[in-house]
Protein backbone atom coordinates (compact mmCIF):
# COMPACT_ATOMS: atom_id res chain seq x y z
CA MET A 1 5.30 60.90 34.21
CA ASN A 2 2.64 63.48 35.53
CA ASN A 3 0.29 62.18 32.48
CA LEU A 4 0.72 58.51 33.71
CA VAL A 5 -0.06 59.26 37.15
CA ALA A 6 -3.01 61.26 36.19
CA LYS A 7 -4.15 58.52 34.18
CA ILE A 8 -3.66 55.87 36.90
CA GLU A 9 -5.68 58.19 39.30
CA LYS A 10 -8.58 58.38 37.18
CA MET A 11 -8.79 54.43 37.82
CA LYS A 12 -9.05 55.09 41.42
CA PRO A 13 -12.76 54.76 41.48
CA PHE A 14 -12.44 51.27 40.05
CA PHE A 15 -9.90 50.08 42.37
CA GLU A 16 -11.90 51.42 45.24
CA LYS A 17 -14.92 49.41 44.08
CA VAL A 18 -12.70 46.19 43.73
CA SER A 19 -11.25 46.62 47.11
CA ARG A 20 -14.69 46.92 48.72
CA ASN A 21 -15.80 43.80 47.06
CA LYS A 22 -17.89 41.79 49.74
CA TYR A 23 -15.96 38.41 48.99
CA LEU A 24 -12.41 40.03 48.81
CA LYS A 25 -13.25 41.79 52.16
CA ALA A 26 -14.57 38.56 53.84
CA ILE A 27 -11.44 36.72 52.84
CA ARG A 28 -9.25 39.50 54.18
CA ASP A 29 -11.16 40.04 57.32
CA GLY A 30 -11.55 36.17 57.83
CA PHE A 31 -7.68 36.12 57.79
CA MET A 32 -7.51 39.13 59.92
CA SER A 33 -9.55 37.53 62.76
CA ALA A 34 -7.42 34.34 62.68
CA MET A 35 -3.95 36.31 62.88
CA PRO A 36 -3.76 35.71 66.79
CA VAL A 37 -3.77 32.01 66.24
CA VAL A 38 -1.28 32.36 63.44
CA LEU A 39 1.33 34.50 65.50
CA PHE A 40 0.52 32.36 68.69
CA SER A 41 1.35 29.21 67.14
CA SER A 42 4.45 30.48 65.35
CA ILE A 43 6.07 31.13 68.60
CA PHE A 44 6.09 27.31 69.34
CA MET A 45 7.41 26.45 65.71
CA LEU A 46 10.34 29.00 66.61
CA ILE A 47 11.16 27.15 69.82
CA ALA A 48 11.11 23.99 68.37
CA TYR A 49 13.19 24.34 65.50
CA VAL A 50 15.39 27.57 65.72
CA PRO A 51 17.64 25.81 68.21
CA ASN A 52 18.32 23.17 65.36
CA ILE A 53 20.37 26.12 63.51
CA PHE A 54 22.99 26.11 66.21
CA GLY A 55 23.06 22.28 66.32
CA TYR A 56 20.78 21.55 69.29
CA TYR A 57 17.87 19.22 68.89
CA TRP A 58 15.15 18.53 71.20
CA PRO A 59 14.33 15.09 72.51
CA ALA A 60 11.35 13.65 70.49
CA ASN A 61 9.06 13.60 73.59
CA ILE A 62 9.87 17.26 74.29
CA GLU A 63 9.50 18.36 70.61
CA SER A 64 6.15 16.83 70.52
CA MET A 65 4.93 18.67 73.74
CA ILE A 66 6.29 21.92 72.18
CA LEU A 67 4.54 21.33 68.82
CA LYS A 68 1.16 20.17 70.43
CA PRO A 69 -0.32 23.92 70.79
CA TYR A 70 0.90 24.54 67.10
CA ASN A 71 -0.70 21.39 65.78
CA TYR A 72 -4.15 22.45 67.63
CA SER A 73 -3.99 25.90 66.37
CA MET A 74 -2.18 26.43 62.97
CA GLY A 75 -3.01 22.92 62.21
CA ILE A 76 -6.74 23.87 62.25
CA LEU A 77 -6.19 27.16 60.54
CA ALA A 78 -8.66 26.34 57.49
CA VAL A 79 -11.26 25.44 59.89
CA LEU A 80 -11.14 28.58 61.72
CA VAL A 81 -10.87 30.63 58.54
CA ALA A 82 -13.72 28.88 57.01
CA GLY A 83 -15.84 30.12 59.85
CA SER A 84 -14.43 33.39 60.37
CA THR A 85 -14.85 34.14 56.69
CA ALA A 86 -18.25 33.04 56.67
CA LYS A 87 -19.01 35.30 59.81
CA ASN A 88 -17.49 38.48 57.81
CA LEU A 89 -19.45 37.67 54.73
CA ALA A 90 -22.68 37.55 56.55
CA ASP A 91 -21.95 40.85 58.06
CA SER A 92 -21.69 42.29 54.64
CA PHE A 93 -24.64 40.73 53.51
CA ASN A 94 -26.62 41.96 56.57
CA ARG A 95 -25.84 45.61 55.45
CA GLU A 96 -28.35 45.14 52.51
CA LEU A 97 -30.86 43.22 54.36
CA PRO A 98 -33.82 44.69 56.52
CA ILE A 99 -32.85 45.23 60.19
CA ASN A 100 -35.64 42.71 61.23
CA ARG A 101 -34.49 40.08 58.90
CA GLN A 102 -30.56 39.34 59.36
CA ILE A 103 -28.41 36.40 58.92
CA ASN A 104 -27.30 34.93 62.17
CA ASN A 105 -23.39 35.48 61.51
CA ILE A 106 -22.41 32.60 64.35
CA SER A 107 -24.69 30.28 62.75
CA THR A 108 -22.76 30.83 59.54
CA PHE A 109 -19.53 30.62 61.42
CA MET A 110 -20.60 27.08 62.63
CA ALA A 111 -21.93 25.96 59.08
CA GLY A 112 -18.69 26.95 57.64
CA VAL A 113 -16.67 24.92 60.22
CA VAL A 114 -18.73 21.93 59.73
CA GLY A 115 -18.93 22.18 55.81
CA LEU A 116 -15.05 22.25 55.69
CA LEU A 117 -14.75 19.26 57.71
CA LEU A 118 -17.13 17.62 55.36
CA ILE A 119 -15.19 18.21 52.04
CA ALA A 120 -11.76 18.27 53.54
CA ALA A 121 -11.31 15.46 55.99
CA ASP A 122 -10.57 11.84 55.02
CA PRO A 123 -11.90 9.08 57.60
CA ILE A 124 -9.51 6.93 59.27
CA LYS A 125 -9.81 4.19 61.85
CA GLU A 126 -10.25 6.28 64.73
CA GLY A 127 -11.11 9.53 63.87
CA PHE A 128 -10.31 11.68 60.59
CA ALA A 129 -7.13 12.89 58.91
CA SER A 130 -6.19 16.52 59.53
CA GLY A 131 -4.01 16.98 56.58
CA TYR A 132 -6.11 19.61 55.06
CA MET A 133 -7.33 21.35 58.29
CA GLY A 134 -4.44 23.66 58.16
CA SER A 135 -2.96 26.00 55.59
CA LYS A 136 -3.62 23.39 52.87
CA GLY A 137 -7.26 23.70 53.15
CA LEU A 138 -7.45 27.52 52.78
CA LEU A 139 -8.89 27.61 49.36
CA SER A 140 -11.46 25.03 50.19
CA ALA A 141 -12.26 27.25 53.30
CA PHE A 142 -13.19 30.20 51.15
CA PHE A 143 -15.22 28.06 48.94
CA VAL A 144 -17.27 26.81 51.71
CA ALA A 145 -17.86 30.03 53.41
CA PHE A 146 -19.01 31.76 50.24
CA PHE A 147 -21.53 28.71 49.59
CA VAL A 148 -22.94 28.69 53.12
CA CYS A 149 -23.52 32.46 53.31
CA ASN A 150 -25.20 32.49 49.83
CA VAL A 151 -27.45 29.71 51.12
CA TYR A 152 -28.29 31.55 54.28
CA LYS A 153 -28.89 34.84 52.35
CA PHE A 154 -31.26 32.82 49.92
CA CYS A 155 -33.35 31.46 52.84
CA VAL A 156 -33.24 34.47 54.94
CA LYS A 157 -34.40 36.91 51.95
CA ARG A 158 -37.27 34.29 50.95
CA ASP A 159 -38.22 33.75 54.66
CA ILE A 160 -37.60 30.01 54.34
CA THR A 161 -37.45 29.12 58.20
CA ILE A 162 -39.27 27.65 61.07
CA HIS A 163 -41.67 30.12 62.63
CA MET A 164 -42.32 29.84 66.11
CA PRO A 165 -45.04 31.32 67.97
CA LYS A 166 -44.93 35.01 69.39
CA GLU A 167 -44.81 33.74 72.91
CA VAL A 168 -41.41 31.89 72.15
CA PRO A 169 -38.41 34.03 73.54
CA PRO A 170 -36.49 35.63 70.63
CA ASN A 171 -33.40 33.67 71.26
CA ILE A 172 -35.01 30.29 71.15
CA SER A 173 -36.96 31.26 68.02
CA GLN A 174 -33.55 32.26 66.31
CA THR A 175 -32.28 28.66 67.04
CA PHE A 176 -35.12 27.16 65.10
CA ALA A 177 -34.99 30.04 62.33
CA ASP A 178 -31.36 28.61 61.59
CA VAL A 179 -32.26 25.04 61.21
CA ILE A 180 -33.31 25.33 57.60
CA PRO A 181 -30.46 27.30 56.10
CA PHE A 182 -27.84 25.50 58.47
CA ALA A 183 -29.51 21.88 57.17
CA ILE A 184 -29.76 23.00 53.36
CA SER A 185 -25.94 24.12 53.45
CA ILE A 186 -24.64 21.01 55.23
CA LEU A 187 -26.78 18.47 53.16
CA LEU A 188 -25.92 20.19 49.85
CA LEU A 189 -22.13 19.93 50.88
CA ALA A 190 -22.41 16.25 51.93
CA LEU A 191 -24.00 15.42 48.75
CA PHE A 192 -21.37 17.43 46.79
CA ASP A 193 -18.54 15.60 48.75
CA ILE A 194 -19.99 12.01 48.05
CA VAL A 195 -20.41 12.95 44.24
CA PHE A 196 -16.98 14.45 44.00
CA ARG A 197 -15.21 11.63 45.80
CA ASP A 198 -16.74 9.17 43.44
CA LEU A 199 -16.03 11.06 40.36
CA VAL A 200 -12.27 12.13 41.14
CA GLY A 201 -11.31 9.82 43.94
CA ILE A 202 -10.02 12.16 46.40
CA ASN A 203 -11.33 14.87 48.59
CA PHE A 204 -12.28 18.36 47.26
CA ALA A 205 -9.43 20.24 49.39
CA ALA A 206 -6.70 17.71 48.02
CA ALA A 207 -8.14 18.25 44.54
CA VAL A 208 -8.01 21.97 44.81
CA ILE A 209 -4.18 22.13 45.79
CA GLU A 210 -3.53 19.68 42.87
CA PHE A 211 -5.59 21.98 40.41
CA PHE A 212 -3.86 25.19 41.47
CA LYS A 213 -0.24 24.03 41.88
CA PRO A 214 0.83 25.40 38.33
CA LEU A 215 -0.70 28.88 39.49
CA PHE A 216 1.37 28.22 42.64
CA THR A 217 4.37 27.81 40.58
CA ALA A 218 3.72 30.72 38.21
CA ALA A 219 3.04 33.12 40.96
CA ASP A 220 6.82 32.05 42.57
CA GLY A 221 8.25 33.21 39.24
CA TYR A 222 9.92 36.44 38.58
CA LEU A 223 6.91 37.80 36.48
CA GLY A 224 4.35 36.48 38.84
CA LEU A 225 6.21 38.21 41.85
CA ALA A 226 6.47 41.41 39.75
CA ILE A 227 2.85 41.39 39.06
CA ILE A 228 1.94 40.83 42.68
CA TYR A 229 4.16 43.26 44.47
CA GLY A 230 3.85 45.92 41.72
CA ALA A 231 0.41 45.82 41.87
CA MET A 232 0.27 46.08 45.63
CA ALA A 233 2.52 49.22 45.34
CA MET A 234 0.52 50.78 42.48
CA PHE A 235 -2.77 50.54 44.29
CA TRP A 236 -1.09 52.30 47.21
CA PHE A 237 0.41 54.79 45.09
CA VAL A 238 -3.07 56.09 44.14
CA GLY A 239 -4.25 55.82 47.81
CA ILE A 240 -5.94 52.25 47.80
CA GLN A 241 -4.76 49.78 50.46
CA GLY A 242 -2.98 47.62 47.97
CA PRO A 243 -3.21 44.52 50.06
CA SER A 244 -6.76 44.76 50.39
CA ILE A 245 -6.93 43.90 46.80
CA VAL A 246 -4.16 41.78 46.09
CA GLU A 247 -3.50 39.69 49.33
CA PRO A 248 -6.87 37.78 49.37
CA ALA A 249 -5.75 36.25 46.03
CA VAL A 250 -2.64 35.01 47.12
CA SER A 251 -3.07 34.49 50.95
CA ALA A 252 -3.81 30.88 50.88
CA ILE A 253 -0.55 30.60 48.60
CA TYR A 254 1.54 32.29 51.35
CA TYR A 255 0.35 29.82 54.13
CA VAL A 256 0.72 26.80 51.68
CA ASN A 257 4.23 27.87 50.77
CA ILE A 258 5.32 28.53 54.36
CA ALA A 259 4.24 25.33 55.65
CA ASN A 260 5.80 23.61 52.71
CA ASN A 261 9.06 25.28 53.41
CA LEU A 262 9.37 24.29 57.04
CA GLY A 263 8.65 20.86 55.94
CA LEU A 264 11.45 20.95 53.53
CA TYR A 265 13.78 22.65 56.05
CA GLN A 266 12.90 19.53 58.58
CA ALA A 267 13.58 17.02 56.04
CA GLY A 268 17.08 18.61 55.30
CA GLU A 269 15.99 20.01 51.99
CA HIS A 270 16.16 23.43 50.38
CA ALA A 271 13.12 25.77 51.43
CA ASN A 272 12.66 27.11 48.32
CA ASN A 273 8.93 28.55 47.99
CA ILE A 274 9.00 32.34 47.74
CA LEU A 275 5.54 33.58 48.15
CA THR A 276 5.14 33.80 51.92
CA PRO A 277 3.79 36.36 54.54
CA GLY A 278 7.44 37.25 55.37
CA VAL A 279 8.33 38.26 51.65
CA GLN A 280 5.34 40.61 51.74
CA GLN A 281 6.15 41.97 55.11
CA PHE A 282 9.69 42.32 55.17
CA VAL A 283 10.96 42.31 51.55
CA ALA A 284 8.67 43.70 49.36
CA THR A 285 7.46 46.04 52.10
CA LEU A 286 10.71 46.75 53.79
CA GLY A 287 9.37 49.44 56.18
CA GLY A 288 6.18 49.47 54.56
CA THR A 289 4.63 49.50 51.03
CA GLY A 290 7.00 51.10 48.71
CA ALA A 291 9.90 49.55 50.52
CA THR A 292 10.09 53.03 52.23
CA LEU A 293 12.71 52.40 55.05
CA VAL A 294 15.52 53.68 53.32
CA VAL A 295 13.81 56.79 52.05
CA THR A 296 12.70 57.62 55.45
CA LEU A 297 16.20 57.54 56.62
CA MET A 298 17.13 59.67 53.74
CA PHE A 299 14.78 62.17 54.64
CA ALA A 300 15.51 62.27 58.29
CA PHE A 301 19.53 62.31 57.93
CA MET A 302 20.40 63.70 54.29
CA ALA A 303 17.59 66.03 53.36
CA LYS A 304 18.44 69.70 53.13
CA SER A 305 14.67 70.72 53.22
CA LYS A 306 13.44 71.35 56.53
CA GLU A 307 9.90 69.73 55.98
CA LEU A 308 11.39 66.60 54.73
CA LYS A 309 13.86 66.42 57.51
CA ALA A 310 11.20 66.78 59.95
CA VAL A 311 8.78 64.31 58.10
CA GLY A 312 11.59 61.83 58.07
CA ARG A 313 12.57 62.01 61.65
CA ALA A 314 8.87 61.83 62.74
CA SER A 315 8.16 58.74 60.71
CA SER A 316 11.56 56.94 61.12
CA ILE A 317 10.58 54.86 64.08
CA PRO A 318 7.04 53.91 62.75
CA VAL A 319 8.42 52.96 59.57
CA LEU A 320 11.04 50.63 61.16
CA PHE A 321 8.04 48.80 62.70
CA GLY A 322 6.11 48.63 59.27
CA VAL A 323 3.83 51.49 59.77
CA ASN A 324 4.52 53.93 56.95
CA GLU A 325 1.70 56.04 56.56
CA PRO A 326 3.31 58.93 58.41
CA ILE A 327 5.80 59.25 55.20
CA LEU A 328 3.37 58.19 52.65
CA PHE A 329 0.93 60.82 53.38
CA GLY A 330 3.43 63.26 55.11
CA ALA A 331 6.05 63.73 52.34
CA PRO A 332 3.86 62.65 50.42
CA LEU A 333 5.09 59.63 48.45
CA ILE A 334 1.63 58.59 47.28
CA LEU A 335 0.48 60.42 44.19
CA ASN A 336 3.67 61.98 43.97
CA PRO A 337 5.30 61.69 40.29
CA ILE A 338 8.70 62.07 41.44
CA PHE A 339 8.41 58.82 43.40
CA PHE A 340 6.27 56.74 41.09
CA ILE A 341 9.32 54.82 39.53
CA PRO A 342 11.02 53.73 42.79
CA PHE A 343 7.89 53.36 44.67
CA ILE A 344 6.80 50.55 42.30
CA GLY A 345 10.18 49.28 41.19
CA ALA A 346 11.78 48.84 44.66
CA PRO A 347 9.48 46.14 45.87
CA ILE A 348 10.12 44.34 42.61
CA LEU A 349 13.50 44.49 42.71
CA ASN A 350 13.61 43.54 46.46
CA VAL A 351 11.66 40.35 45.61
CA TRP A 352 13.74 39.44 42.68
CA LEU A 353 16.98 39.91 44.77
CA PHE A 354 15.32 37.71 47.20
CA LYS A 355 14.42 34.88 44.85
CA ALA A 356 18.17 35.11 43.12
CA PHE A 357 19.34 34.40 46.80
CA VAL A 358 17.04 31.39 47.04
CA ASP A 359 17.45 30.01 43.53
CA PHE A 360 21.28 30.43 42.84
CA LEU A 361 22.69 30.99 46.40
CA GLY A 362 20.90 28.20 48.39
CA MET A 363 19.40 30.56 50.74
CA ASN A 364 16.18 29.27 52.49
CA SER A 365 13.05 31.14 52.04
CA PHE A 366 10.80 32.35 54.79
CA MET A 367 9.89 28.98 57.27
CA TYR A 368 8.64 31.18 60.37
CA ILE A 369 5.57 33.27 60.67
CA LEU A 370 6.70 36.74 62.54
CA PRO A 371 4.42 39.58 63.75
CA TRP A 372 4.23 42.10 60.71
CA THR A 373 5.59 44.79 63.19
CA CYS A 374 8.83 43.02 63.59
CA PRO A 375 11.77 45.38 62.21
CA ALA A 376 12.11 44.30 58.43
CA PRO A 377 15.82 43.62 58.63
CA LEU A 378 15.28 41.64 61.80
CA GLY A 379 12.27 39.82 60.22
CA ILE A 380 14.49 38.71 57.34
CA VAL A 381 16.89 37.16 59.49
CA LEU A 382 14.74 35.52 61.89
CA GLY A 383 12.14 34.35 59.31
CA CYS A 384 14.80 32.64 56.90
CA GLY A 385 16.52 30.73 59.75
CA ILE A 386 19.26 32.90 60.97
CA SER A 387 21.93 32.34 58.11
CA LEU A 388 24.82 34.44 57.09
CA LEU A 389 23.24 34.45 53.66
CA SER A 390 20.05 35.97 55.04
CA LEU A 391 22.10 38.45 57.00
CA LEU A 392 23.94 39.36 53.86
CA PHE A 393 20.49 39.58 51.91
CA ALA A 394 19.30 42.09 54.65
CA VAL A 395 22.36 44.45 54.28
CA LEU A 396 22.33 44.17 50.46
CA VAL A 397 18.47 44.98 49.85
CA LEU A 398 18.86 48.02 51.90
CA VAL A 399 21.63 48.96 49.69
CA ILE A 400 19.58 48.26 46.66
CA ASP A 401 16.77 50.23 47.99
CA PHE A 402 19.10 53.18 48.57
CA ILE A 403 20.46 53.27 45.18
CA VAL A 404 16.92 53.02 43.65
CA TYR A 405 15.42 55.91 45.59
CA TYR A 406 18.52 58.21 46.07
CA PRO A 407 18.42 60.13 42.49
CA PHE A 408 14.72 60.76 43.23
CA PHE A 409 15.15 61.75 46.62
CA LYS A 410 17.64 64.26 45.46
CA VAL A 411 15.27 65.82 42.93
CA TYR A 412 12.57 66.06 45.47
CA ASP A 413 14.82 67.49 48.13
CA LYS A 414 16.17 70.09 45.74
CA GLU A 415 12.28 71.00 44.71
CA LYS A 416 11.33 71.31 48.55
CA CYS A 417 14.34 73.66 49.30
CA GLU A 418 13.26 75.87 46.48
CA GLU A 419 9.83 75.92 47.69
CA GLU A 420 10.93 76.89 51.33
CA ALA A 421 13.34 79.53 49.74
CA LEU A 422 10.33 81.38 47.85
CA LYS A 423 7.80 80.92 50.54
CA ASP A 424 9.43 79.74 53.64
CA GLN A 425 6.46 80.01 55.86
CA GLU A 426 3.50 79.65 53.85
CA GLU A 427 2.09 76.28 54.99
CA THR A 428 2.80 77.30 58.69
CA ALA A 429 1.26 80.62 58.45
CA THR A 430 -1.78 78.95 56.82
CA GLU A 431 -2.11 76.76 59.83
CA GLU A 432 -1.61 79.43 62.21
CA THR A 433 -4.53 81.54 60.83
CA GLU A 434 -6.99 78.88 61.10
CA GLU A 435 -9.57 79.47 63.83
CA SER A 436 -9.00 77.68 66.93
CA VAL A 437 -11.67 75.64 68.23
CA GLU A 438 -12.66 75.73 71.67
CA VAL A 439 -13.05 72.17 73.13
CA SER A 440 -15.99 71.92 75.30
CA GLY A 441 -15.54 69.34 78.13
CA ASP A 442 -19.30 68.53 78.11
CA VAL A 443 -19.28 67.23 74.41
CA VAL A 444 -16.11 65.01 74.71
CA ASP A 445 -16.06 64.17 78.55
CA GLY A 446 -16.72 60.52 78.78
CA LYS A 447 -16.88 59.83 75.12
CA ARG A 448 -15.29 56.76 73.57
CA VAL A 449 -13.36 57.09 70.18
CA LEU A 450 -12.34 54.03 68.08
CA VAL A 451 -9.71 54.81 65.38
CA LEU A 452 -9.33 51.86 62.58
CA CYS A 453 -6.81 51.28 59.98
CA ALA A 454 -5.66 48.36 58.08
CA GLY A 455 -3.45 46.47 60.58
CA GLY A 456 -3.98 48.38 63.85
CA GLY A 457 -0.68 50.17 63.54
CA THR A 458 -1.34 53.65 62.05
CA SER A 459 -4.90 53.78 64.06
CA GLY A 460 -2.42 53.82 67.26
CA LEU A 461 -0.82 57.05 66.36
CA LEU A 462 -4.13 59.16 66.52
CA ALA A 463 -5.76 57.11 69.38
CA ASN A 464 -2.24 57.89 71.26
CA ALA A 465 -2.50 61.57 70.29
CA LEU A 466 -6.22 61.72 71.44
CA ALA A 467 -5.43 60.14 74.77
CA LYS A 468 -2.62 62.62 75.26
CA GLY A 469 -4.68 65.86 74.31
CA ALA A 470 -7.63 64.66 76.63
CA GLU A 471 -4.91 64.13 79.46
CA GLU A 472 -3.57 67.37 79.12
CA LYS A 473 -7.11 69.26 79.38
CA GLY A 474 -8.02 66.89 82.21
CA ILE A 475 -10.87 65.43 80.02
CA LYS A 476 -11.92 61.77 80.57
CA MET A 477 -11.86 60.06 77.10
CA THR A 478 -11.68 56.34 76.20
CA THR A 479 -9.40 55.86 72.83
CA ALA A 480 -8.79 52.57 71.20
CA ALA A 481 -7.03 51.46 68.05
CA GLY A 482 -8.16 48.53 65.74
CA SER A 483 -7.99 47.12 62.39
CA TYR A 484 -10.74 47.38 59.86
CA GLY A 485 -12.77 44.06 59.37
CA ALA A 486 -11.87 43.00 63.20
CA HIS A 487 -14.14 45.90 64.54
CA TYR A 488 -17.87 44.86 64.02
CA ASP A 489 -18.48 43.54 67.42
CA MET A 490 -16.56 46.72 69.02
CA LEU A 491 -18.66 49.33 67.39
CA LYS A 492 -21.42 49.37 69.97
CA ASP A 493 -19.02 50.38 72.62
CA PHE A 494 -17.97 53.45 71.10
CA ASP A 495 -19.54 57.00 70.50
CA LEU A 496 -17.21 57.96 67.39
CA VAL A 497 -15.36 55.69 64.78
CA VAL A 498 -12.57 57.42 62.81
CA LEU A 499 -11.12 55.75 59.83
CA ALA A 500 -7.56 56.12 58.93
CA PRO A 501 -6.65 57.27 55.29
CA GLN A 502 -5.66 53.59 54.03
CA VAL A 503 -9.32 52.29 54.68
CA ALA A 504 -11.29 55.70 53.92
CA ASN A 505 -12.69 54.02 50.76
CA TYR A 506 -14.60 51.62 53.33
CA TYR A 507 -16.45 54.87 54.85
CA GLN A 508 -19.86 54.17 53.21
CA ASP A 509 -19.74 50.63 54.46
CA LEU A 510 -18.89 51.82 57.86
CA LYS A 511 -21.50 54.56 57.95
CA ILE A 512 -24.46 51.99 57.39
CA ASP A 513 -23.04 50.03 60.50
CA THR A 514 -22.69 53.26 62.75
CA ASP A 515 -25.84 54.71 61.60
CA ARG A 516 -27.71 51.52 62.71
CA LEU A 517 -26.20 52.08 65.96
CA GLY A 518 -26.79 55.78 66.11
CA ILE A 519 -22.97 56.61 66.55
CA LYS A 520 -20.71 58.91 64.50
CA SER A 521 -18.29 58.06 62.01
CA VAL A 522 -15.60 60.07 60.08
CA ALA A 523 -12.96 59.34 57.43
CA CYS A 524 -9.63 61.29 57.34
CA GLN A 525 -7.47 62.20 54.23
CA GLY A 526 -3.94 61.80 54.06
CA LYS A 527 -1.80 64.91 55.29
CA GLN A 528 -4.95 65.94 57.65
CA TYR A 529 -4.47 62.65 59.56
CA ILE A 530 -0.93 62.89 59.86
CA ALA A 531 -1.21 66.50 60.95
CA LEU A 532 -3.63 65.09 63.65
CA THR A 533 -1.51 62.35 64.90
CA ARG A 534 1.51 65.03 65.35
CA ASP A 535 -0.75 67.63 67.50
CA PRO A 536 -2.62 66.11 70.25
CA GLU A 537 -4.56 69.48 70.70
CA LYS A 538 -5.89 69.73 67.12
CA ALA A 539 -6.79 65.76 67.33
CA LEU A 540 -9.05 66.62 70.42
CA GLU A 541 -10.46 69.86 68.49
CA PHE A 542 -11.11 67.57 65.44
CA VAL A 543 -12.95 65.10 67.59
CA PHE A 544 -14.81 67.77 69.27
CA SER A 545 -15.87 69.04 66.11
CA ILE A 546 -17.31 65.87 64.94
CA LEU A 547 -18.92 64.96 67.99
CA ASN A 548 -20.54 68.43 68.23
CA GLY A 549 -21.90 68.00 64.76
CA GLU A 550 -19.95 70.92 63.26
CA SER A 551 -18.34 68.85 60.70
CA GLU A 552 -18.01 65.51 58.85
CA GLU A 553 -15.28 64.44 56.81
CA GLN A 554 -15.63 61.91 54.07
């Protein structure tokens, strides 16, 4: 097992390179930007249709009023994602371009929106059909975003633009500078749309859905599910944020499937599409990647090891809400050969059991989108329509995870107890002998610190610890937590940016941005980060050492 883990770890640089791919990052960050829209709109879907479960149906006019915010938010998701993906890809391209020759990301956003409308909308008598403006148009949205940004990059690098006299204000000059790349992008897409419709007979977005239907079906099978969620867990096991690699490839399928599931349910049919956001958030990653909710509770209430018991109790609440970095790095679970099999196997068994419930017992799959921080068992019941079968599944999947993890937990607990018996205080003694850093209020007073992670959950742990440490010492410090990918416009407002472990592999990209702004940045590693979240004073000392130029972690 150690040899297998070592071989996988050797591939870590390759995995990191894949996770930093500009196009994958643009898709992920584009979705991240649109998540407030997704979560907001889903509230109205829940209000409209959850009462149906209990036999109550809104009058048609009331239902129409409730669904209007949904139709004009989630209903144009592809339009928004085309723009946000184009903007984020433009930001990535700009890191490689001279500071005085940058792509206007707002212009690419608008070109992405217009471009998608061109290739995905069908004209009707009074306006245009919006059937592919929502989740069904997501694949086309990515295509448009990539195309538009590459046209802009081509034009900007070769200075193909309208040059205005020096006397013209910069904001007006920029408007004219964007005319040519915008025009080329849209005219080429318009020409493509004309030719494609003439040859195929339908719009591009509709053709893409038809073309990828076999892939959607294959991905919903037992083998496809095992590959997708096994890969997510394996990447995380070696310290790479798994969804950053896998999710961009399946995100479009997620949202097409969940829209189809709701449509099937409304038509009185069986909602049977498996790959949805809820399956990832509440089934495969029950308590976080690796399905760690059960193992956290084992540590907290069954471990004989003092260290594991402390880690479990400290991690239980965050893991319940899907933030499992405290146990991933605190136990640790990642790169721990003992937990390799259950960490990869539990998510796969979870989704297989879910598919069996849907296929053979008739349980509805996920029809509603819920915040990823919703406690997983509750998310399963609510997302699948509050049925007896969903409640039974939520209980049974916890039992399955317990059975999978228990023997490996016992081995690790015994190992840790033996370590504690031989050198009971070694780690504590090492920490106690570390030289304490005297925090100077002049260095940190008034500073603004931004902590970034993958989804905004883990970063909040350190941001809160820093705020508490500053308050205890009477230091004025502003701390904020955010998600990597939705941070570009925030950077200028902070003095230091800290990357949590799961996004530490993006440090080189972040450093390019922070160096341009003249601010400091740092990436934390596993146990170091978890230790800082638990010790406000140490967290403050860490920030002081970075701001004071004494050290810089990478």
